[in-house]
């Protein structure tokens, strides 16, 4: 089994595009939640990552990873692939 990846995005967000491109390049399936208009998913994002006010916000197995730069840093450090290989099942 592979990790459960979720990403909160907004329309025309270049950082969101960059994060999704990195995930796509690794063949990672993810759930994307558009919070452009606010609403319930935006509130959900803020409740899951209380200090986050920007997008994208990325979660791997319910762990808040942060944004696009944080995702790229994990990849540069060689830690992202291991996280993506972990099962989200308890």
Protein backbone atom coordinates (compact mmCIF):
# COMPACT_ATOMS: atom_id res chain seq x y z
CA UNK A 1 0.00 0.00 0.00
CA UNK A 2 1.12 3.56 -0.57
CA UNK A 3 0.73 6.77 1.36
CA UNK A 4 -2.43 8.82 1.35
CA UNK A 5 -1.55 12.23 -0.08
CA UNK A 6 -3.83 15.27 0.09
CA UNK A 7 -3.18 18.73 -1.29
CA UNK A 8 -5.18 21.91 -0.77
CA UNK A 9 -4.86 24.27 -3.73
CA UNK A 10 -6.18 27.46 -5.31
CA UNK A 11 -6.87 28.28 -8.94
CA UNK A 12 -3.86 29.66 -10.86
CA UNK A 13 -1.47 29.13 -7.95
CA UNK A 14 2.05 28.55 -9.34
CA UNK A 15 3.24 26.91 -6.12
CA UNK A 16 0.32 24.49 -6.29
CA UNK A 17 1.21 23.63 -9.88
CA UNK A 18 4.84 23.04 -8.89
CA UNK A 19 3.88 20.75 -5.98
CA UNK A 20 1.45 18.75 -8.13
CA UNK A 21 4.08 18.45 -10.87
CA UNK A 22 6.56 16.95 -8.39
CA UNK A 23 3.96 14.48 -7.13
CA UNK A 24 2.90 13.65 -10.70
CA UNK A 25 6.53 13.07 -11.71
CA UNK A 26 6.76 10.45 -8.97
CA UNK A 27 3.52 8.78 -10.07
CA UNK A 28 1.80 9.67 -6.81
CA UNK A 29 -1.98 9.59 -6.63
CA UNK A 30 -3.36 12.40 -4.49
CA UNK A 31 -6.63 13.99 -3.48
CA UNK A 32 -6.83 17.65 -4.42
CA UNK A 33 -9.10 20.10 -2.62
CA UNK A 34 -9.68 23.49 -4.27
CA UNK A 35 -10.03 26.19 -1.61
CA UNK A 36 -10.14 29.14 -4.03
CA UNK A 37 -13.58 30.20 -2.84
CA UNK A 38 -12.99 29.37 0.83
CA UNK A 39 -15.74 27.33 2.37
CA UNK A 40 -15.69 24.06 4.24
CA UNK A 41 -12.48 22.71 2.69
CA UNK A 42 -10.60 25.93 3.52
CA UNK A 43 -11.83 25.66 7.12
CA UNK A 44 -10.77 22.01 7.14
CA UNK A 45 -7.28 22.96 5.89
CA UNK A 46 -6.88 25.59 8.62
CA UNK A 47 -8.06 23.17 11.30
CA UNK A 48 -5.54 20.55 10.12
CA UNK A 49 -2.67 23.04 9.82
CA UNK A 50 -3.58 25.93 12.15
CA UNK A 51 -0.61 28.15 11.25
CA UNK A 52 -1.02 27.65 7.51
CA UNK A 53 -2.51 30.55 5.61
CA UNK A 54 -1.11 29.85 2.14
CA UNK A 55 -1.51 27.12 -0.42
CA UNK A 56 -0.63 24.53 -1.26
CA UNK A 57 -0.90 22.69 2.01
CA UNK A 58 0.21 19.09 1.64
CA UNK A 59 -0.54 16.17 3.93
CA UNK A 60 1.01 12.72 3.72
CA UNK A 61 -0.76 10.12 5.87
CA UNK A 62 -2.42 12.98 7.80
CA UNK A 63 0.95 14.58 8.61
CA UNK A 64 1.17 18.25 7.63
CA UNK A 65 4.16 18.55 5.29
CA UNK A 66 3.71 22.24 4.54
CA UNK A 67 3.86 23.85 1.12
CA UNK A 68 5.61 23.42 -2.20
CA UNK A 69 9.04 24.45 -0.91
CA UNK A 70 8.74 22.03 2.02
CA UNK A 71 7.80 19.21 -0.35
CA UNK A 72 10.78 19.98 -2.60
CA UNK A 73 13.10 20.09 0.41
CA UNK A 74 11.93 16.64 1.53
CA UNK A 75 12.66 15.39 -1.98
CA UNK A 76 16.13 17.00 -2.04
CA UNK A 77 16.94 15.43 1.33
CA UNK A 78 15.90 12.02 0.01
CA UNK A 79 13.10 11.64 2.57
CA UNK A 80 10.05 12.10 0.34
CA UNK A 81 10.15 8.72 -1.42
CA UNK A 82 10.20 6.87 1.90
CA UNK A 83 7.25 8.90 3.17
CA UNK A 84 5.32 8.21 -0.03
CA UNK A 85 5.99 4.47 0.27
CA UNK A 86 4.53 4.26 3.78
CA UNK A 87 1.02 2.97 4.15
CA UNK A 88 -1.53 5.29 5.67
CA UNK A 89 -3.30 2.34 7.27
CA UNK A 90 -2.94 1.92 11.00
